[in-house]
């Protein structure tokens, strides 16, 4: 009788220990087996994708916006607009002046794209924009660009001129 009782106690103790370990596992890794309702988190910063970078050393000789410097072509794949405050390029101590242009594709095969100035610097989702960054050397092989937005966020890109991203 004693032996049978001790086996029952051992089995119950084993079951309790197993349940405690299982509860501890689910407390830390519950989402692995069980699906819980998680809050939907959206980023305050849109998903910006650089397309390419060009150097514009002689703006008077091109159809690009009339500022000497570099032009970063970018698309906002996020769901909300973002407003560019300024840019920092390489190891600059002062912010570089930026001009934001909406890029409209050419209407014909031989036409040129249109650059429509956006005085607020706002980049809407799903559209291509050209960000002209002036007061930048135009003879470098690569540029480390930090775009700073009015909401306090920033994004960094390392780009080479003429390379499609």
N, C-alpha and C. Protein backbone atom coordinates (compact mmCIF):
# COMPACT_ATOMS: atom_id res chain seq x y z
N UNK A 1 0.82 -1.19 0.00
CA UNK A 1 0.00 0.00 0.00
C UNK A 1 0.86 1.25 0.00
N UNK A 2 1.96 1.20 0.82
CA UNK A 2 2.83 2.36 0.86
C UNK A 2 3.49 2.59 -0.49
N UNK A 3 3.85 1.50 -1.15
CA UNK A 3 4.51 1.64 -2.44
C UNK A 3 3.55 2.25 -3.47
N UNK A 4 2.34 1.83 -3.49
CA UNK A 4 1.35 2.37 -4.41
C UNK A 4 1.07 3.83 -4.16
N UNK A 5 1.03 4.22 -2.90
CA UNK A 5 0.78 5.62 -2.56
C UNK A 5 1.96 6.50 -2.96
N UNK A 6 3.17 6.02 -2.78
CA UNK A 6 4.34 6.81 -3.16
C UNK A 6 4.42 6.98 -4.68
N UNK A 7 3.99 5.98 -5.42
CA UNK A 7 3.97 6.11 -6.88
C UNK A 7 2.95 7.15 -7.33
N UNK A 8 1.82 7.19 -6.69
CA UNK A 8 0.79 8.19 -7.01
C UNK A 8 1.30 9.59 -6.68
N UNK A 9 1.94 9.73 -5.53
CA UNK A 9 2.49 11.04 -5.13
C UNK A 9 3.58 11.46 -6.12
N UNK A 10 4.44 10.54 -6.52
CA UNK A 10 5.50 10.85 -7.49
C UNK A 10 4.91 11.26 -8.83
N UNK A 11 3.87 10.57 -9.27
CA UNK A 11 3.22 10.92 -10.54
C UNK A 11 2.58 12.29 -10.47
N UNK A 12 1.90 12.58 -9.35
CA UNK A 12 1.28 13.91 -9.19
C UNK A 12 2.34 15.01 -9.12
N UNK A 13 3.44 14.74 -8.41
CA UNK A 13 4.53 15.71 -8.32
C UNK A 13 5.15 15.95 -9.70
N UNK A 14 5.33 14.90 -10.46
CA UNK A 14 5.86 15.01 -11.81
C UNK A 14 4.91 15.82 -12.69
N UNK A 15 3.62 15.59 -12.55
CA UNK A 15 2.63 16.34 -13.32
C UNK A 15 2.65 17.82 -12.94
N UNK A 16 2.74 18.12 -11.66
CA UNK A 16 2.78 19.51 -11.19
C UNK A 16 4.03 20.21 -11.72
N UNK A 17 5.17 19.54 -11.65
CA UNK A 17 6.42 20.15 -12.16
C UNK A 17 6.32 20.39 -13.66
N UNK A 18 5.77 19.44 -14.39
CA UNK A 18 5.59 19.61 -15.84
C UNK A 18 4.68 20.79 -16.15
N UNK A 19 3.60 20.92 -15.43
CA UNK A 19 2.68 22.05 -15.65
C UNK A 19 3.32 23.38 -15.30
N UNK A 20 4.11 23.42 -14.23
CA UNK A 20 4.80 24.66 -13.86
C UNK A 20 5.80 25.06 -14.94
N UNK A 21 6.57 24.10 -15.44
CA UNK A 21 7.53 24.40 -16.50
C UNK A 21 6.83 24.83 -17.79
N UNK A 22 5.73 24.18 -18.10
CA UNK A 22 4.96 24.56 -19.28
C UNK A 22 4.38 25.97 -19.14
N UNK A 23 3.88 26.29 -17.97
CA UNK A 23 3.35 27.64 -17.72
C UNK A 23 4.45 28.68 -17.83
N UNK A 24 5.63 28.37 -17.31
CA UNK A 24 6.76 29.31 -17.41
C UNK A 24 7.15 29.50 -18.87
N UNK A 25 7.15 28.42 -19.65
CA UNK A 25 7.48 28.53 -21.07
C UNK A 25 6.49 29.43 -21.79
N UNK A 26 5.19 29.21 -21.56
CA UNK A 26 4.18 30.02 -22.22
C UNK A 26 4.19 31.47 -21.73
N UNK A 27 4.63 31.69 -20.51
CA UNK A 27 4.70 33.06 -20.01
C UNK A 27 5.73 33.86 -20.80
N UNK A 28 6.82 33.21 -21.21
CA UNK A 28 7.88 33.91 -21.95
C UNK A 28 7.72 33.78 -23.45
N UNK A 29 7.25 32.65 -23.93
CA UNK A 29 7.19 32.39 -25.36
C UNK A 29 5.78 32.04 -25.82
N UNK A 30 4.81 32.65 -25.23
CA UNK A 30 3.43 32.30 -25.53
C UNK A 30 3.03 32.56 -26.96
N UNK A 31 3.62 33.57 -27.57
CA UNK A 31 3.27 33.89 -28.94
C UNK A 31 3.76 32.87 -29.94
N UNK A 32 4.63 31.97 -29.49
CA UNK A 32 5.16 30.96 -30.41
C UNK A 32 4.09 29.94 -30.79
N UNK A 33 3.31 29.50 -29.81
CA UNK A 33 2.26 28.52 -30.08
C UNK A 33 0.87 29.14 -30.11
N UNK A 34 0.65 30.11 -29.25
CA UNK A 34 -0.65 30.75 -29.16
C UNK A 34 -0.57 32.12 -29.80
N UNK A 35 -1.59 32.49 -30.52
CA UNK A 35 -1.60 33.82 -31.12
C UNK A 35 -2.38 34.77 -30.23
N UNK A 36 -1.71 35.81 -29.79
CA UNK A 36 -2.34 36.84 -28.98
C UNK A 36 -2.59 38.07 -29.85
N UNK A 37 -3.55 38.85 -29.50
CA UNK A 37 -3.82 40.09 -30.22
C UNK A 37 -2.73 41.10 -29.85
N UNK A 38 -1.90 41.44 -30.83
CA UNK A 38 -0.82 42.40 -30.59
C UNK A 38 -1.25 43.77 -31.11
N UNK A 39 -0.82 44.83 -30.47
CA UNK A 39 -1.18 46.15 -30.97
C UNK A 39 -0.52 46.43 -32.31
N UNK A 40 -1.22 47.14 -33.17
CA UNK A 40 -0.68 47.52 -34.46
C UNK A 40 0.23 48.72 -34.28
N UNK A 41 1.48 48.56 -34.63
CA UNK A 41 2.46 49.64 -34.46
C UNK A 41 2.82 50.17 -35.83
N UNK A 42 2.72 51.48 -35.99
CA UNK A 42 3.13 52.10 -37.24
C UNK A 42 4.30 53.02 -36.96
N UNK A 43 5.19 53.07 -37.91
CA UNK A 43 6.37 53.91 -37.76
C UNK A 43 5.99 55.36 -38.03
N UNK A 44 6.61 56.25 -37.30
CA UNK A 44 6.39 57.68 -37.54
C UNK A 44 7.17 58.14 -38.75
N UNK A 45 8.09 57.32 -39.23
CA UNK A 45 8.91 57.67 -40.37
C UNK A 45 8.52 56.79 -41.55
N UNK A 46 8.17 57.39 -42.68
CA UNK A 46 7.81 56.58 -43.84
C UNK A 46 8.99 55.77 -44.36
N UNK A 47 8.68 54.82 -45.19
CA UNK A 47 9.71 54.01 -45.81
C UNK A 47 10.21 54.73 -47.04
N UNK A 48 11.36 55.37 -46.93
CA UNK A 48 11.92 56.12 -48.05
C UNK A 48 12.92 55.25 -48.80
N UNK A 49 12.78 55.22 -50.11
CA UNK A 49 13.67 54.43 -50.94
C UNK A 49 14.40 55.34 -51.91
N UNK A 50 15.73 55.42 -51.80
CA UNK A 50 16.46 56.21 -52.80
C UNK A 50 16.48 55.45 -54.13
N UNK A 51 16.31 56.18 -55.21
CA UNK A 51 16.34 55.57 -56.53
C UNK A 51 17.72 55.72 -57.15
N UNK A 52 18.21 56.96 -57.21
CA UNK A 52 19.55 57.21 -57.72
C UNK A 52 19.98 58.61 -57.32
N UNK A 53 21.25 58.88 -57.51
CA UNK A 53 21.85 60.15 -57.15
C UNK A 53 22.61 60.67 -58.36
N UNK A 54 22.42 61.94 -58.66
CA UNK A 54 23.20 62.55 -59.74
C UNK A 54 23.91 63.78 -59.20
N UNK A 55 24.97 64.14 -59.89
CA UNK A 55 25.72 65.35 -59.57
C UNK A 55 25.34 66.39 -60.60
N UNK A 56 25.08 67.59 -60.14
CA UNK A 56 24.65 68.68 -61.02
C UNK A 56 25.63 69.86 -60.87
N UNK A 57 26.86 69.73 -61.45
CA UNK A 57 27.84 70.79 -61.26
C UNK A 57 27.55 72.05 -62.06
N UNK A 58 26.86 71.91 -63.19
CA UNK A 58 26.57 73.07 -64.05
C UNK A 58 25.06 73.14 -64.30
N UNK A 59 24.30 73.64 -63.34
CA UNK A 59 22.84 73.62 -63.48
C UNK A 59 22.32 74.42 -64.66
N UNK A 60 23.07 75.41 -65.11
CA UNK A 60 22.60 76.22 -66.24
C UNK A 60 22.66 75.44 -67.55
N UNK A 61 23.38 74.32 -67.57
CA UNK A 61 23.51 73.53 -68.79
C UNK A 61 22.60 72.30 -68.81
N UNK A 62 21.74 72.15 -67.83
CA UNK A 62 20.91 70.95 -67.77
C UNK A 62 19.45 71.31 -67.56
N UNK A 63 18.60 70.31 -67.68
CA UNK A 63 17.16 70.52 -67.46
C UNK A 63 16.78 70.27 -66.01
N UNK A 64 17.77 69.96 -65.16
CA UNK A 64 17.51 69.73 -63.74
C UNK A 64 17.27 71.06 -63.03
N UNK A 65 16.80 71.03 -61.80
CA UNK A 65 16.58 72.28 -61.05
C UNK A 65 17.85 73.14 -60.99
N UNK A 66 17.68 74.45 -60.94
CA UNK A 66 18.81 75.38 -61.12
C UNK A 66 19.68 75.59 -59.88
N UNK A 67 20.15 74.52 -59.27
CA UNK A 67 21.03 74.65 -58.11
C UNK A 67 22.21 73.72 -58.28
N UNK A 68 23.39 74.22 -58.00
CA UNK A 68 24.58 73.40 -58.06
C UNK A 68 24.64 72.51 -56.83
N UNK A 69 24.99 71.25 -57.03
CA UNK A 69 25.08 70.31 -55.92
C UNK A 69 24.75 68.91 -56.36
N UNK A 70 24.10 68.16 -55.49
CA UNK A 70 23.70 66.79 -55.83
C UNK A 70 22.18 66.69 -55.77
N UNK A 71 21.65 65.75 -56.54
CA UNK A 71 20.20 65.55 -56.58
C UNK A 71 19.91 64.10 -56.23
N UNK A 72 19.16 63.92 -55.15
CA UNK A 72 18.77 62.59 -54.68
C UNK A 72 17.32 62.35 -55.12
N UNK A 73 17.13 61.32 -55.94
CA UNK A 73 15.78 60.94 -56.36
C UNK A 73 15.28 59.88 -55.39
N UNK A 74 14.07 60.08 -54.88
CA UNK A 74 13.57 59.26 -53.78
C UNK A 74 12.07 59.02 -53.93
N UNK A 75 11.60 57.90 -53.39
CA UNK A 75 10.17 57.59 -53.37
C UNK A 75 9.79 57.26 -51.93
N UNK A 76 8.65 57.77 -51.52
CA UNK A 76 8.11 57.49 -50.19
C UNK A 76 7.15 56.31 -50.32
N UNK A 77 7.55 55.14 -49.82
CA UNK A 77 6.70 53.96 -49.87
C UNK A 77 5.89 53.79 -48.59
N UNK A 78 5.93 54.77 -47.72
CA UNK A 78 5.16 54.72 -46.48
C UNK A 78 3.71 55.11 -46.74
N UNK A 79 2.97 55.25 -45.66
CA UNK A 79 1.55 55.59 -45.79
C UNK A 79 1.25 57.03 -45.40
N UNK A 80 2.26 57.76 -44.96
CA UNK A 80 2.03 59.15 -44.55
C UNK A 80 3.12 60.04 -45.14
N UNK A 81 2.80 61.31 -45.36
CA UNK A 81 3.80 62.23 -45.90
C UNK A 81 4.85 62.58 -44.85
N UNK A 82 5.97 63.05 -45.32
CA UNK A 82 7.05 63.50 -44.44
C UNK A 82 7.59 64.81 -45.01
N UNK A 83 8.07 65.67 -44.13
CA UNK A 83 8.53 66.99 -44.55
C UNK A 83 10.03 67.10 -44.26
N UNK A 84 10.80 67.38 -45.31
CA UNK A 84 12.25 67.49 -45.18
C UNK A 84 12.59 68.85 -44.56
N UNK A 85 13.39 68.82 -43.50
CA UNK A 85 13.84 70.07 -42.87
C UNK A 85 15.17 70.50 -43.49
N UNK A 86 16.13 69.59 -43.50
CA UNK A 86 17.44 69.89 -44.09
C UNK A 86 18.18 68.58 -44.29
N UNK A 87 19.38 68.69 -44.87
CA UNK A 87 20.22 67.52 -45.09
C UNK A 87 21.62 67.82 -44.57
N UNK A 88 22.28 66.77 -44.14
CA UNK A 88 23.69 66.84 -43.77
C UNK A 88 24.42 65.88 -44.70
N UNK A 89 25.49 66.36 -45.33
CA UNK A 89 26.23 65.53 -46.27
C UNK A 89 27.66 65.36 -45.78
N UNK A 90 28.10 64.10 -45.77
CA UNK A 90 29.44 63.71 -45.33
C UNK A 90 29.71 64.24 -43.93
N UNK A 91 30.79 64.96 -43.74
CA UNK A 91 31.14 65.45 -42.41
C UNK A 91 30.87 66.94 -42.25
N UNK A 92 29.83 67.42 -42.89
CA UNK A 92 29.50 68.85 -42.83
C UNK A 92 29.17 69.28 -41.41
N UNK A 93 29.62 70.47 -41.05
CA UNK A 93 29.34 71.01 -39.72
C UNK A 93 28.04 71.81 -39.70
N UNK A 94 27.62 72.27 -40.86
CA UNK A 94 26.39 73.05 -40.99
C UNK A 94 25.41 72.27 -41.87
N UNK A 95 24.12 72.43 -41.64
CA UNK A 95 23.13 71.78 -42.52
C UNK A 95 23.24 72.31 -43.95
N UNK A 96 23.03 71.42 -44.90
CA UNK A 96 23.01 71.82 -46.30
C UNK A 96 21.60 72.22 -46.68
N UNK A 97 21.49 73.25 -47.50
CA UNK A 97 20.19 73.71 -47.97
C UNK A 97 19.59 72.66 -48.90
N UNK A 98 18.32 72.38 -48.73
CA UNK A 98 17.64 71.41 -49.58
C UNK A 98 16.44 72.06 -50.27
N UNK A 99 16.20 71.60 -51.48
CA UNK A 99 15.03 72.01 -52.25
C UNK A 99 14.34 70.73 -52.71
N UNK A 100 13.04 70.63 -52.48
CA UNK A 100 12.30 69.42 -52.83
C UNK A 100 11.45 69.70 -54.07
N UNK A 101 11.55 68.80 -55.04
CA UNK A 101 10.79 68.91 -56.28
C UNK A 101 10.03 67.61 -56.53
N UNK A 102 8.77 67.73 -56.91
CA UNK A 102 8.00 66.60 -57.38
C UNK A 102 8.44 66.32 -58.81
N UNK A 103 8.71 65.06 -59.13
CA UNK A 103 9.16 64.70 -60.47
C UNK A 103 7.98 64.11 -61.23
N UNK A 104 7.60 64.77 -62.32
CA UNK A 104 6.55 64.24 -63.19
C UNK A 104 7.23 63.64 -64.41
N UNK A 105 6.87 62.42 -64.78
CA UNK A 105 7.53 61.79 -65.92
C UNK A 105 7.24 62.53 -67.22
N UNK A 106 8.13 62.36 -68.21
CA UNK A 106 7.90 63.03 -69.49
C UNK A 106 6.63 62.51 -70.16
N UNK A 107 6.02 63.37 -70.95
CA UNK A 107 4.78 62.99 -71.64
C UNK A 107 5.05 62.26 -72.95
N UNK A 108 6.28 62.32 -73.43
CA UNK A 108 6.64 61.60 -74.66
C UNK A 108 8.01 60.94 -74.45
N UNK A 109 8.37 60.08 -75.39
CA UNK A 109 9.65 59.38 -75.27
C UNK A 109 10.84 60.33 -75.35
N UNK A 110 10.71 61.40 -76.11
CA UNK A 110 11.82 62.33 -76.27
C UNK A 110 11.75 63.49 -75.29
N UNK A 111 10.72 63.54 -74.49
CA UNK A 111 10.55 64.65 -73.55
C UNK A 111 11.41 64.52 -72.31
N UNK A 112 11.44 65.59 -71.54
CA UNK A 112 12.18 65.63 -70.29
C UNK A 112 11.19 65.61 -69.13
N UNK A 113 11.59 65.08 -67.98
CA UNK A 113 10.69 65.12 -66.82
C UNK A 113 10.49 66.54 -66.34
N UNK A 114 9.36 66.79 -65.70
CA UNK A 114 9.09 68.11 -65.12
C UNK A 114 9.45 68.08 -63.65
N UNK A 115 10.03 69.17 -63.18
CA UNK A 115 10.36 69.32 -61.77
C UNK A 115 9.48 70.42 -61.20
N UNK A 116 8.58 70.06 -60.30
CA UNK A 116 7.64 71.01 -59.70
C UNK A 116 8.10 71.28 -58.28
N UNK A 117 8.46 72.53 -58.01
CA UNK A 117 9.00 72.91 -56.71
C UNK A 117 7.94 72.75 -55.61
N UNK A 118 8.34 72.15 -54.50
CA UNK A 118 7.46 71.97 -53.32
C UNK A 118 8.00 72.85 -52.20
N UNK A 119 7.46 74.04 -52.02
CA UNK A 119 8.03 74.97 -51.04
C UNK A 119 7.98 74.47 -49.60
N UNK A 120 7.05 73.57 -49.29
CA UNK A 120 6.97 73.07 -47.91
C UNK A 120 7.95 71.92 -47.66
N UNK A 121 8.50 71.35 -48.72
CA UNK A 121 9.42 70.23 -48.56
C UNK A 121 8.74 68.92 -48.23
N UNK A 122 7.44 68.84 -48.49
CA UNK A 122 6.68 67.65 -48.14
C UNK A 122 6.79 66.59 -49.23
N UNK A 123 7.04 65.35 -48.80
CA UNK A 123 7.14 64.20 -49.70
C UNK A 123 5.93 63.32 -49.46
N UNK A 124 5.05 63.26 -50.45
CA UNK A 124 3.82 62.47 -50.36
C UNK A 124 4.11 61.00 -50.69
N UNK A 125 3.32 60.09 -50.15
CA UNK A 125 3.52 58.67 -50.45
C UNK A 125 3.25 58.34 -51.91
N UNK A 126 4.06 57.42 -52.44
CA UNK A 126 3.84 56.89 -53.78
C UNK A 126 4.30 57.74 -54.93
N UNK A 127 4.97 58.84 -54.68
CA UNK A 127 5.41 59.72 -55.75
C UNK A 127 6.93 59.86 -55.72
N UNK A 128 7.48 60.16 -56.89
CA UNK A 128 8.93 60.36 -56.99
C UNK A 128 9.26 61.83 -56.76
N UNK A 129 10.30 62.05 -55.98
CA UNK A 129 10.75 63.40 -55.67
C UNK A 129 12.24 63.52 -55.93
N UNK A 130 12.66 64.73 -56.25
CA UNK A 130 14.08 65.05 -56.38
C UNK A 130 14.42 66.01 -55.25
N UNK A 131 15.38 65.63 -54.43
CA UNK A 131 15.83 66.49 -53.34
C UNK A 131 17.18 67.05 -53.76
N UNK A 132 17.20 68.35 -54.03
CA UNK A 132 18.43 69.02 -54.43
C UNK A 132 19.14 69.47 -53.17
N UNK A 133 20.38 69.04 -53.01
CA UNK A 133 21.19 69.41 -51.85
C UNK A 133 22.32 70.27 -52.36
N UNK A 134 22.31 71.55 -51.98
CA UNK A 134 23.31 72.48 -52.49
C UNK A 134 24.47 72.62 -51.52
N UNK A 135 25.48 73.36 -51.97
CA UNK A 135 26.71 73.59 -51.20
C UNK A 135 27.40 72.28 -50.85
N UNK A 136 27.48 71.40 -51.84
CA UNK A 136 28.11 70.10 -51.66
C UNK A 136 29.17 69.95 -52.75
N UNK A 137 30.35 69.41 -52.42
CA UNK A 137 31.33 69.15 -53.48
C UNK A 137 30.75 68.18 -54.51
N UNK A 138 31.02 68.45 -55.78
CA UNK A 138 30.44 67.63 -56.84
C UNK A 138 31.46 66.66 -57.45
N UNK A 139 32.59 66.46 -56.79
CA UNK A 139 33.63 65.61 -57.37
C UNK A 139 33.91 64.36 -56.53
N UNK A 140 32.98 63.95 -55.69
CA UNK A 140 33.20 62.78 -54.83
C UNK A 140 32.65 61.51 -55.46
N UNK A 141 33.18 60.37 -55.05
CA UNK A 141 32.71 59.08 -55.56
C UNK A 141 31.54 58.53 -54.76
N UNK A 142 31.39 58.99 -53.53
CA UNK A 142 30.30 58.52 -52.67
C UNK A 142 29.89 59.63 -51.73
N UNK A 143 28.63 59.63 -51.35
CA UNK A 143 28.08 60.65 -50.46
C UNK A 143 27.35 59.97 -49.31
N UNK A 144 27.64 60.42 -48.10
CA UNK A 144 26.92 59.97 -46.90
C UNK A 144 25.90 61.05 -46.59
N UNK A 145 24.63 60.76 -46.85
CA UNK A 145 23.57 61.77 -46.76
C UNK A 145 22.66 61.44 -45.58
N UNK A 146 22.43 62.42 -44.73
CA UNK A 146 21.45 62.30 -43.65
C UNK A 146 20.33 63.29 -43.92
N UNK A 147 19.13 62.78 -44.17
CA UNK A 147 17.97 63.64 -44.33
C UNK A 147 17.30 63.79 -42.97
N UNK A 148 17.07 65.03 -42.56
CA UNK A 148 16.43 65.31 -41.27
C UNK A 148 15.04 65.86 -41.57
N UNK A 149 14.04 65.34 -40.86
CA UNK A 149 12.65 65.71 -41.11
C UNK A 149 12.12 66.59 -39.98
N UNK A 150 11.05 67.30 -40.26
CA UNK A 150 10.50 68.23 -39.27
C UNK A 150 9.91 67.52 -38.06
N UNK A 151 9.63 66.22 -38.17
CA UNK A 151 9.10 65.49 -37.01
C UNK A 151 10.21 64.98 -36.09
N UNK A 152 11.46 65.34 -36.41
CA UNK A 152 12.58 64.96 -35.55
C UNK A 152 13.30 63.70 -35.96
N UNK A 153 12.76 62.95 -36.90
CA UNK A 153 13.40 61.73 -37.35
C UNK A 153 14.40 62.04 -38.46
N UNK A 154 15.24 61.08 -38.76
CA UNK A 154 16.19 61.23 -39.85
C UNK A 154 16.43 59.87 -40.49
N UNK A 155 16.90 59.91 -41.73
CA UNK A 155 17.29 58.69 -42.44
C UNK A 155 18.63 58.94 -43.09
N UNK A 156 19.45 57.89 -43.13
CA UNK A 156 20.79 58.01 -43.69
C UNK A 156 20.92 57.12 -44.92
N UNK A 157 21.67 57.64 -45.91
CA UNK A 157 21.93 56.91 -47.14
C UNK A 157 23.40 57.08 -47.49
N UNK A 158 24.00 56.04 -48.03
CA UNK A 158 25.34 56.13 -48.60
C UNK A 158 25.16 55.79 -50.07
N UNK A 159 25.41 56.78 -50.93
CA UNK A 159 25.11 56.62 -52.35
C UNK A 159 26.28 57.06 -53.20
N UNK A 160 26.39 56.44 -54.37
CA UNK A 160 27.36 56.85 -55.38
C UNK A 160 26.61 57.44 -56.55
N UNK A 161 27.13 58.52 -57.15
CA UNK A 161 26.43 59.14 -58.28
C UNK A 161 26.29 58.17 -59.45
N UNK A 162 25.11 58.19 -60.06
CA UNK A 162 24.86 57.41 -61.26
C UNK A 162 24.53 55.95 -61.03
N UNK A 163 24.58 55.47 -59.80
CA UNK A 163 24.30 54.07 -59.51
C UNK A 163 22.84 53.93 -59.13
N UNK A 164 22.12 53.12 -59.89
CA UNK A 164 20.71 52.88 -59.58
C UNK A 164 20.65 52.03 -58.32
N UNK A 165 19.86 52.47 -57.35
CA UNK A 165 19.82 51.78 -56.05
C UNK A 165 18.89 50.60 -56.06
